Amino acid sequence: MDEKMMVNDTLTGINGELVRYGEMISQTENPQLKQTLKQMRNQCEMSQEEIYQIARERSYYVPAGPASPESVAHVRSVLTQASVK
């Protein structure tokens, strides 16, 4: 396994962890547990950002270009309409 694959696998794993933390946080009623999970999620997000920066620096990951103003307006419109319903 080469470095690029390891970095990408790590990012995929961390992103999955972030999803699970979000699910657990929203489902717990215990305030102490909720706070602990939020702290763990924040640490995970910092790790994700570090790995992401490594991937960018080494050109393992190239993000998509910026969205056009029209695309942003369209998505905003769709989401606004969905939240009103």
PDB file of N, CA and C in Angstrom:
ATOM      1  N   MET A   1       0.856  -1.177   0.000  1.00  0.00           N
ATOM      2  CA  MET A   1       0.000   0.000   0.000  1.00  0.00           C
ATOM      3  C   MET A   1       0.904   1.242   0.000  1.00  0.00           C
ATOM      4  N   ASP A   2       0.633   2.163  -0.901  1.00  0.00           N
ATOM      5  CA  ASP A   2       1.469   3.359  -0.971  1.00  0.00           C
ATOM      6  C   ASP A   2       0.906   4.476  -0.079  1.00  0.00           C
ATOM      7  N   GLU A   3       1.705   5.526   0.068  1.00  0.00           N
ATOM      8  CA  GLU A   3       1.343   6.619   0.972  1.00  0.00           C
ATOM      9  C   GLU A   3       0.031   7.291   0.576  1.00  0.00           C
ATOM     10  N   LYS A   4      -0.155   7.514  -0.718  1.00  0.00           N
ATOM     11  CA  LYS A   4      -1.385   8.164  -1.181  1.00  0.00           C
ATOM     12  C   LYS A   4      -2.612   7.363  -0.768  1.00  0.00           C
ATOM     13  N   MET A   5      -2.560   6.065  -0.927  1.00  0.00           N
ATOM     14  CA  MET A   5      -3.687   5.220  -0.560  1.00  0.00           C
ATOM     15  C   MET A   5      -3.919   5.261   0.954  1.00  0.00           C
ATOM     16  N   MET A   6      -2.849   5.276   1.726  1.00  0.00           N
ATOM     17  CA  MET A   6      -2.987   5.325   3.184  1.00  0.00           C
ATOM     18  C   MET A   6      -3.614   6.644   3.630  1.00  0.00           C
ATOM     19  N   VAL A   7      -3.190   7.742   3.015  1.00  0.00           N
ATOM     20  CA  VAL A   7      -3.756   9.046   3.363  1.00  0.00           C
ATOM     21  C   VAL A   7      -5.239   9.079   3.000  1.00  0.00           C
ATOM     22  N   ASN A   8      -5.576   8.596   1.809  1.00  0.00           N
ATOM     23  CA  ASN A   8      -6.984   8.588   1.394  1.00  0.00           C
ATOM     24  C   ASN A   8      -7.828   7.673   2.277  1.00  0.00           C
ATOM     25  N   ASP A   9      -7.302   6.513   2.632  1.00  0.00           N
ATOM     26  CA  ASP A   9      -8.025   5.613   3.533  1.00  0.00           C
ATOM     27  C   ASP A   9      -8.242   6.254   4.898  1.00  0.00           C
ATOM     28  N   THR A  10      -7.220   6.956   5.377  1.00  0.00           N
ATOM     29  CA  THR A  10      -7.336   7.641   6.664  1.00  0.00           C
ATOM     30  C   THR A  10      -8.420   8.715   6.614  1.00  0.00           C
ATOM     31  N   LEU A  11      -8.430   9.498   5.545  1.00  0.00           N
ATOM     32  CA  LEU A  11      -9.471  10.532   5.401  1.00  0.00           C
ATOM     33  C   LEU A  11     -10.866   9.912   5.338  1.00  0.00           C
ATOM     34  N   THR A  12     -10.997   8.825   4.616  1.00  0.00           N
ATOM     35  CA  THR A  12     -12.289   8.150   4.518  1.00  0.00           C
ATOM     36  C   THR A  12     -12.744   7.666   5.896  1.00  0.00           C
ATOM     37  N   GLY A  13     -11.821   7.081   6.652  1.00  0.00           N
ATOM     38  CA  GLY A  13     -12.160   6.600   7.989  1.00  0.00           C
ATOM     39  C   GLY A  13     -12.557   7.728   8.926  1.00  0.00           C
ATOM     40  N   ILE A  14     -11.813   8.810   8.900  1.00  0.00           N
ATOM     41  CA  ILE A  14     -12.115   9.953   9.759  1.00  0.00           C
ATOM     42  C   ILE A  14     -13.463  10.555   9.388  1.00  0.00           C
ATOM     43  N   ASN A  15     -13.737  10.665   8.088  1.00  0.00           N
ATOM     44  CA  ASN A  15     -15.028  11.212   7.667  1.00  0.00           C
ATOM     45  C   ASN A  15     -16.178  10.340   8.160  1.00  0.00           C
ATOM     46  N   GLY A  16     -15.985   9.029   8.150  1.00  0.00           N
ATOM     47  CA  GLY A  16     -17.007   8.122   8.684  1.00  0.00           C
ATOM     48  C   GLY A  16     -17.201   8.314  10.181  1.00  0.00           C
ATOM     49  N   GLU A  17     -16.102   8.515  10.890  1.00  0.00           N
ATOM     50  CA  GLU A  17     -16.192   8.767  12.333  1.00  0.00           C
ATOM     51  C   GLU A  17     -16.977  10.048  12.604  1.00  0.00           C
ATOM     52  N   LEU A  18     -16.726  11.078  11.815  1.00  0.00           N
ATOM     53  CA  LEU A  18     -17.439  12.347  12.009  1.00  0.00           C
ATOM     54  C   LEU A  18     -18.944  12.168  11.824  1.00  0.00           C
ATOM     55  N   VAL A  19     -19.329  11.364  10.856  1.00  0.00           N
ATOM     56  CA  VAL A  19     -20.758  11.087  10.643  1.00  0.00           C
ATOM     57  C   VAL A  19     -21.335  10.384  11.865  1.00  0.00           C
ATOM     58  N   ARG A  20     -20.621   9.384  12.361  1.00  0.00           N
ATOM     59  CA  ARG A  20     -21.121   8.642  13.530  1.00  0.00           C
ATOM     60  C   ARG A  20     -21.203   9.523  14.779  1.00  0.00           C
ATOM     61  N   TYR A  21     -20.211  10.398  14.975  1.00  0.00           N
ATOM     62  CA  TYR A  21     -20.287  11.315  16.116  1.00  0.00           C
ATOM     63  C   TYR A  21     -21.535  12.185  16.009  1.00  0.00           C
ATOM     64  N   GLY A  22     -21.814  12.699  14.830  1.00  0.00           N
ATOM     65  CA  GLY A  22     -23.009  13.518  14.641  1.00  0.00           C
ATOM     66  C   GLY A  22     -24.269  12.752  14.979  1.00  0.00           C
ATOM     67  N   GLU A  23     -24.335  11.491  14.578  1.00  0.00           N
ATOM     68  CA  GLU A  23     -25.502  10.653  14.885  1.00  0.00           C
ATOM     69  C   GLU A  23     -25.631  10.434  16.388  1.00  0.00           C
ATOM     70  N   MET A  24     -24.512  10.121  17.038  1.00  0.00           N
ATOM     71  CA  MET A  24     -24.554   9.855  18.483  1.00  0.00           C
ATOM     72  C   MET A  24     -24.926  11.110  19.267  1.00  0.00           C
ATOM     73  N   ILE A  25     -24.362  12.243  18.879  1.00  0.00           N
ATOM     74  CA  ILE A  25     -24.650  13.492  19.584  1.00  0.00           C
ATOM     75  C   ILE A  25     -26.133  13.816  19.526  1.00  0.00           C
ATOM     76  N   SER A  26     -26.715  13.649  18.361  1.00  0.00           N
ATOM     77  CA  SER A  26     -28.132  14.000  18.214  1.00  0.00           C
ATOM     78  C   SER A  26     -29.057  13.007  18.904  1.00  0.00           C
ATOM     79  N   GLN A  27     -28.569  11.824  19.232  1.00  0.00           N
ATOM     80  CA  GLN A  27     -29.431  10.798  19.814  1.00  0.00           C
ATOM     81  C   GLN A  27     -29.297  10.647  21.326  1.00  0.00           C
ATOM     82  N   THR A  28     -28.320  11.297  21.926  1.00  0.00           N
ATOM     83  CA  THR A  28     -28.153  11.147  23.373  1.00  0.00           C
ATOM     84  C   THR A  28     -28.854  12.267  24.123  1.00  0.00           C
ATOM     85  N   GLU A  29     -29.396  11.913  25.272  1.00  0.00           N
ATOM     86  CA  GLU A  29     -30.051  12.915  26.113  1.00  0.00           C
ATOM     87  C   GLU A  29     -29.182  13.302  27.307  1.00  0.00           C
ATOM     88  N   ASN A  30     -28.141  12.548  27.570  1.00  0.00           N
ATOM     89  CA  ASN A  30     -27.262  12.809  28.694  1.00  0.00           C
ATOM     90  C   ASN A  30     -26.347  13.991  28.348  1.00  0.00           C
ATOM     91  N   PRO A  31     -26.492  15.121  29.062  1.00  0.00           N
ATOM     92  CA  PRO A  31     -25.697  16.315  28.732  1.00  0.00           C
ATOM     93  C   PRO A  31     -24.186  16.097  28.833  1.00  0.00           C
ATOM     94  N   GLN A  32     -23.744  15.321  29.818  1.00  0.00           N
ATOM     95  CA  GLN A  32     -22.310  15.075  29.975  1.00  0.00           C
ATOM     96  C   GLN A  32     -21.770  14.238  28.823  1.00  0.00           C
ATOM     97  N   LEU A  33     -22.521  13.208  28.455  1.00  0.00           N
ATOM     98  CA  LEU A  33     -22.113  12.372  27.335  1.00  0.00           C
ATOM     99  C   LEU A  33     -22.123  13.188  26.046  1.00  0.00           C
ATOM    100  N   LYS A  34     -23.143  14.005  25.873  1.00  0.00           N
ATOM    101  CA  LYS A  34     -23.235  14.846  24.676  1.00  0.00           C
ATOM    102  C   LYS A  34     -22.022  15.769  24.575  1.00  0.00           C
ATOM    103  N   GLN A  35     -21.622  16.380  25.677  1.00  0.00           N
ATOM    104  CA  GLN A  35     -20.458  17.271  25.680  1.00  0.00           C
ATOM    105  C   GLN A  35     -19.182  16.505  25.371  1.00  0.00           C
ATOM    106  N   THR A  36     -19.032  15.319  25.961  1.00  0.00           N
ATOM    107  CA  THR A  36     -17.850  14.493  25.692  1.00  0.00           C
ATOM    108  C   THR A  36     -17.777  14.113  24.222  1.00  0.00           C
ATOM    109  N   LEU A  37     -18.910  13.722  23.645  1.00  0.00           N
ATOM    110  CA  LEU A  37     -18.945  13.363  22.230  1.00  0.00           C
ATOM    111  C   LEU A  37     -18.601  14.562  21.345  1.00  0.00           C
ATOM    112  N   LYS A  38     -19.068  15.745  21.733  1.00  0.00           N
ATOM    113  CA  LYS A  38     -18.749  16.953  20.968  1.00  0.00           C
ATOM    114  C   LYS A  38     -17.249  17.236  21.008  1.00  0.00           C
ATOM    115  N   GLN A  39     -16.624  17.044  22.174  1.00  0.00           N
ATOM    116  CA  GLN A  39     -15.188  17.253  22.294  1.00  0.00           C
ATOM    117  C   GLN A  39     -14.421  16.248  21.432  1.00  0.00           C
ATOM    118  N   MET A  40     -14.888  14.994  21.438  1.00  0.00           N
ATOM    119  CA  MET A  40     -14.250  13.964  20.626  1.00  0.00           C
ATOM    120  C   MET A  40     -14.419  14.271  19.134  1.00  0.00           C
ATOM    121  N   ARG A  41     -15.602  14.754  18.769  1.00  0.00           N
ATOM    122  CA  ARG A  41     -15.842  15.129  17.375  1.00  0.00           C
ATOM    123  C   ARG A  41     -14.919  16.274  16.962  1.00  0.00           C
ATOM    124  N   ASN A  42     -14.746  17.256  17.844  1.00  0.00           N
ATOM    125  CA  ASN A  42     -13.866  18.394  17.542  1.00  0.00           C
ATOM    126  C   ASN A  42     -12.426  17.939  17.334  1.00  0.00           C
ATOM    127  N   GLN A  43     -11.962  17.019  18.163  1.00  0.00           N
ATOM    128  CA  GLN A  43     -10.607  16.481  17.999  1.00  0.00           C
ATOM    129  C   GLN A  43     -10.490  15.734  16.671  1.00  0.00           C
ATOM    130  N   CYS A  44     -11.526  14.996  16.341  1.00  0.00           N
ATOM    131  CA  CYS A  44     -11.553  14.256  15.085  1.00  0.00           C
ATOM    132  C   CYS A  44     -11.520  15.219  13.891  1.00  0.00           C
ATOM    133  N   GLU A  45     -12.258  16.327  13.994  1.00  0.00           N
ATOM    134  CA  GLU A  45     -12.259  17.329  12.924  1.00  0.00           C
ATOM    135  C   GLU A  45     -10.873  17.947  12.748  1.00  0.00           C
ATOM    136  N   MET A  46     -10.174  18.173  13.848  1.00  0.00           N
ATOM    137  CA  MET A  46      -8.818  18.729  13.753  1.00  0.00           C
ATOM    138  C   MET A  46      -7.887  17.730  13.066  1.00  0.00           C
ATOM    139  N   SER A  47      -8.030  16.447  13.388  1.00  0.00           N
ATOM    140  CA  SER A  47      -7.225  15.417  12.735  1.00  0.00           C
ATOM    141  C   SER A  47      -7.543  15.358  11.244  1.00  0.00           C
ATOM    142  N   GLN A  48      -8.818  15.462  10.916  1.00  0.00           N
ATOM    143  CA  GLN A  48      -9.229  15.438   9.522  1.00  0.00           C
ATOM    144  C   GLN A  48      -8.607  16.593   8.758  1.00  0.00           C
ATOM    145  N   GLU A  49      -8.591  17.762   9.363  1.00  0.00           N
ATOM    146  CA  GLU A  49      -8.016  18.944   8.713  1.00  0.00           C
ATOM    147  C   GLU A  49      -6.507  18.758   8.491  1.00  0.00           C
ATOM    148  N   GLU A  50      -5.808  18.182   9.466  1.00  0.00           N
ATOM    149  CA  GLU A  50      -4.370  17.949   9.323  1.00  0.00           C
ATOM    150  C   GLU A  50      -4.085  16.980   8.170  1.00  0.00           C
ATOM    151  N   ILE A  51      -4.822  15.889   8.129  1.00  0.00           N
ATOM    152  CA  ILE A  51      -4.621  14.899   7.067  1.00  0.00           C
ATOM    153  C   ILE A  51      -4.994  15.498   5.712  1.00  0.00           C
ATOM    154  N   TYR A  52      -6.065  16.282   5.691  1.00  0.00           N
ATOM    155  CA  TYR A  52      -6.499  16.945   4.460  1.00  0.00           C
ATOM    156  C   TYR A  52      -5.391  17.859   3.930  1.00  0.00           C
ATOM    157  N   GLN A  53      -4.760  18.617   4.824  1.00  0.00           N
ATOM    158  CA  GLN A  53      -3.680  19.519   4.407  1.00  0.00           C
ATOM    159  C   GLN A  53      -2.502  18.730   3.826  1.00  0.00           C
ATOM    160  N   ILE A  54      -2.176  17.605   4.444  1.00  0.00           N
ATOM    161  CA  ILE A  54      -1.106  16.747   3.922  1.00  0.00           C
ATOM    162  C   ILE A  54      -1.473  16.268   2.515  1.00  0.00           C
ATOM    163  N   ALA A  55      -2.711  15.834   2.346  1.00  0.00           N
ATOM    164  CA  ALA A  55      -3.165  15.350   1.037  1.00  0.00           C
ATOM    165  C   ALA A  55      -3.084  16.462  -0.009  1.00  0.00           C
ATOM    166  N   ARG A  56      -3.480  17.664   0.362  1.00  0.00           N
ATOM    167  CA  ARG A  56      -3.407  18.795  -0.581  1.00  0.00           C
ATOM    168  C   ARG A  56      -1.963  19.124  -0.940  1.00  0.00           C
ATOM    169  N   GLU A  57      -1.097  19.181   0.070  1.00  0.00           N
ATOM    170  CA  GLU A  57       0.310  19.526  -0.162  1.00  0.00           C
ATOM    171  C   GLU A  57       0.988  18.538  -1.106  1.00  0.00           C
ATOM    172  N   ARG A  58       0.609  17.286  -1.007  1.00  0.00           N
ATOM    173  CA  ARG A  58       1.250  16.244  -1.820  1.00  0.00           C
ATOM    174  C   ARG A  58       0.454  15.921  -3.088  1.00  0.00           C
ATOM    175  N   SER A  59      -0.570  16.723  -3.346  1.00  0.00           N
ATOM    176  CA  SER A  59      -1.428  16.552  -4.531  1.00  0.00           C
ATOM    177  C   SER A  59      -2.124  15.191  -4.566  1.00  0.00           C
ATOM    178  N   TYR A  60      -2.394  14.627  -3.392  1.00  0.00           N
ATOM    179  CA  TYR A  60      -3.167  13.394  -3.318  1.00  0.00           C
ATOM    180  C   TYR A  60      -4.653  13.705  -3.450  1.00  0.00           C
ATOM    181  N   TYR A  61      -4.991  14.931  -3.156  1.00  0.00           N
ATOM    182  CA  TYR A  61      -6.380  15.368  -3.227  1.00  0.00           C
ATOM    183  C   TYR A  61      -6.413  16.749  -3.865  1.00  0.00           C
ATOM    184  N   VAL A  62      -7.219  16.873  -4.883  1.00  0.00           N
ATOM    185  CA  VAL A  62      -7.394  18.157  -5.551  1.00  0.00           C
ATOM    186  C   VAL A  62      -8.882  18.498  -5.469  1.00  0.00           C
ATOM    187  N   PRO A  63      -9.231  19.529  -4.709  1.00  0.00           N
ATOM    188  CA  PRO A  63     -10.656  19.858  -4.549  1.00  0.00           C
ATOM    189  C   PRO A  63     -11.260  20.392  -5.839  1.00  0.00           C
ATOM    190  N   ALA A  64     -12.559  20.298  -5.906  1.00  0.00           N
ATOM    191  CA  ALA A  64     -13.269  20.855  -7.049  1.00  0.00           C
ATOM    192  C   ALA A  64     -13.106  22.371  -7.048  1.00  0.00           C
ATOM    193  N   GLY A  65     -13.275  22.961  -8.207  1.00  0.00           N
ATOM    194  CA  GLY A  65     -13.192  24.414  -8.318  1.00  0.00           C
ATOM    195  C   GLY A  65     -14.351  25.074  -7.604  1.00  0.00           C
ATOM    196  N   PRO A  66     -14.273  26.382  -7.434  1.00  0.00           N
ATOM    197  CA  PRO A  66     -15.342  27.093  -6.740  1.00  0.00           C
ATOM    198  C   PRO A  66     -16.644  27.057  -7.554  1.00  0.00           C
ATOM    199  N   ALA A  67     -17.746  27.051  -6.838  1.00  0.00           N
ATOM    200  CA  ALA A  67     -19.064  27.053  -7.482  1.00  0.00           C
ATOM    201  C   ALA A  67     -19.362  28.436  -8.039  1.00  0.00           C
ATOM    202  N   SER A  68     -20.099  28.444  -9.110  1.00  0.00           N
ATOM    203  CA  SER A  68     -20.503  29.730  -9.695  1.00  0.00           C
ATOM    204  C   SER A  68     -21.562  30.379  -8.806  1.00  0.00           C
ATOM    205  N   PRO A  69     -21.689  31.689  -8.871  1.00  0.00           N
ATOM    206  CA  PRO A  69     -22.736  32.363  -8.091  1.00  0.00           C
ATOM    207  C   PRO A  69     -24.129  31.829  -8.419  1.00  0.00           C
ATOM    208  N   GLU A  70     -24.344  31.451  -9.670  1.00  0.00           N
ATOM    209  CA  GLU A  70     -25.649  30.900 -10.059  1.00  0.00           C
ATOM    210  C   GLU A  70     -25.910  29.568  -9.370  1.00  0.00           C
ATOM    211  N   SER A  71     -24.884  28.716  -9.295  1.00  0.00           N
ATOM    212  CA  SER A  71     -25.033  27.419  -8.618  1.00  0.00           C
ATOM    213  C   SER A  71     -25.318  27.606  -7.136  1.00  0.00           C
ATOM    214  N   VAL A  72     -24.617  28.517  -6.520  1.00  0.00           N
ATOM    215  CA  VAL A  72     -24.818  28.795  -5.098  1.00  0.00           C
ATOM    216  C   VAL A  72     -26.246  29.295  -4.866  1.00  0.00           C
ATOM    217  N   ALA A  73     -26.701  30.206  -5.715  1.00  0.00           N
ATOM    218  CA  ALA A  73     -28.055  30.745  -5.582  1.00  0.00           C
ATOM    219  C   ALA A  73     -29.091  29.653  -5.767  1.00  0.00           C
ATOM    220  N   HIS A  74     -28.861  28.754  -6.710  1.00  0.00           N
ATOM    221  CA  HIS A  74     -29.803  27.662  -6.947  1.00  0.00           C
ATOM    222  C   HIS A  74     -29.900  26.735  -5.730  1.00  0.00           C
ATOM    223  N   VAL A  75     -28.753  26.335  -5.206  1.00  0.00           N
ATOM    224  CA  VAL A  75     -28.750  25.446  -4.037  1.00  0.00           C
ATOM    225  C   VAL A  75     -29.405  26.135  -2.844  1.00  0.00           C
ATOM    226  N   ARG A  76     -29.085  27.406  -2.642  1.00  0.00           N
ATOM    227  CA  ARG A  76     -29.690  28.168  -1.547  1.00  0.00           C
ATOM    228  C   ARG A  76     -31.210  28.190  -1.705  1.00  0.00           C
ATOM    229  N   SER A  77     -31.679  28.397  -2.907  1.00  0.00           N
ATOM    230  CA  SER A  77     -33.118  28.439  -3.184  1.00  0.00           C
ATOM    231  C   SER A  77     -33.774  27.098  -2.889  1.00  0.00           C
ATOM    232  N   VAL A  78     -33.143  26.019  -3.344  1.00  0.00           N
ATOM    233  CA  VAL A  78     -33.696  24.681  -3.113  1.00  0.00           C
ATOM    234  C   VAL A  78     -33.754  24.369  -1.622  1.00  0.00           C
ATOM    235  N   LEU A  79     -32.685  24.681  -0.902  1.00  0.00           N
ATOM    236  CA  LEU A  79     -32.651  24.394   0.532  1.00  0.00           C
ATOM    237  C   LEU A  79     -33.618  25.265   1.311  1.00  0.00           C
ATOM    238  N   THR A  80     -33.763  26.503   0.907  1.00  0.00           N
ATOM    239  CA  THR A  80     -34.710  27.408   1.570  1.00  0.00           C
ATOM    240  C   THR A  80     -36.142  26.918   1.383  1.00  0.00           C
ATOM    241  N   GLN A  81     -36.465  26.486   0.172  1.00  0.00           N
ATOM    242  CA  GLN A  81     -37.802  25.979  -0.108  1.00  0.00           C
ATOM    243  C   GLN A  81     -38.071  24.698   0.680  1.00  0.00           C
ATOM    244  N   ALA A  82     -37.056  23.828   0.780  1.00  0.00           N
ATOM    245  CA  ALA A  82     -37.213  22.561   1.502  1.00  0.00           C
ATOM    246  C   ALA A  82     -37.430  22.798   2.990  1.00  0.00           C
ATOM    247  N   SER A  83     -36.796  23.827   3.554  1.00  0.00           N
ATOM    248  CA  SER A  83     -36.930  24.081   4.996  1.00  0.00           C
ATOM    249  C   SER A  83     -38.241  24.751   5.335  1.00  0.00           C
ATOM    250  N   VAL A  84     -38.870  25.371   4.369  1.00  0.00           N
ATOM    251  CA  VAL A  84     -40.137  26.058   4.603  1.00  0.00           C
ATOM    252  C   VAL A  84     -41.281  25.045   4.646  1.00  0.00           C
ATOM    253  N   LYS A  85     -41.166  23.977   3.899  1.00  0.00           N
ATOM    254  CA  LYS A  85     -42.238  22.983   3.791  1.00  0.00           C
ATOM    255  C   LYS A  85     -42.437  22.197   5.031  1.00  0.00           C
TER     256      LYS A  85
END
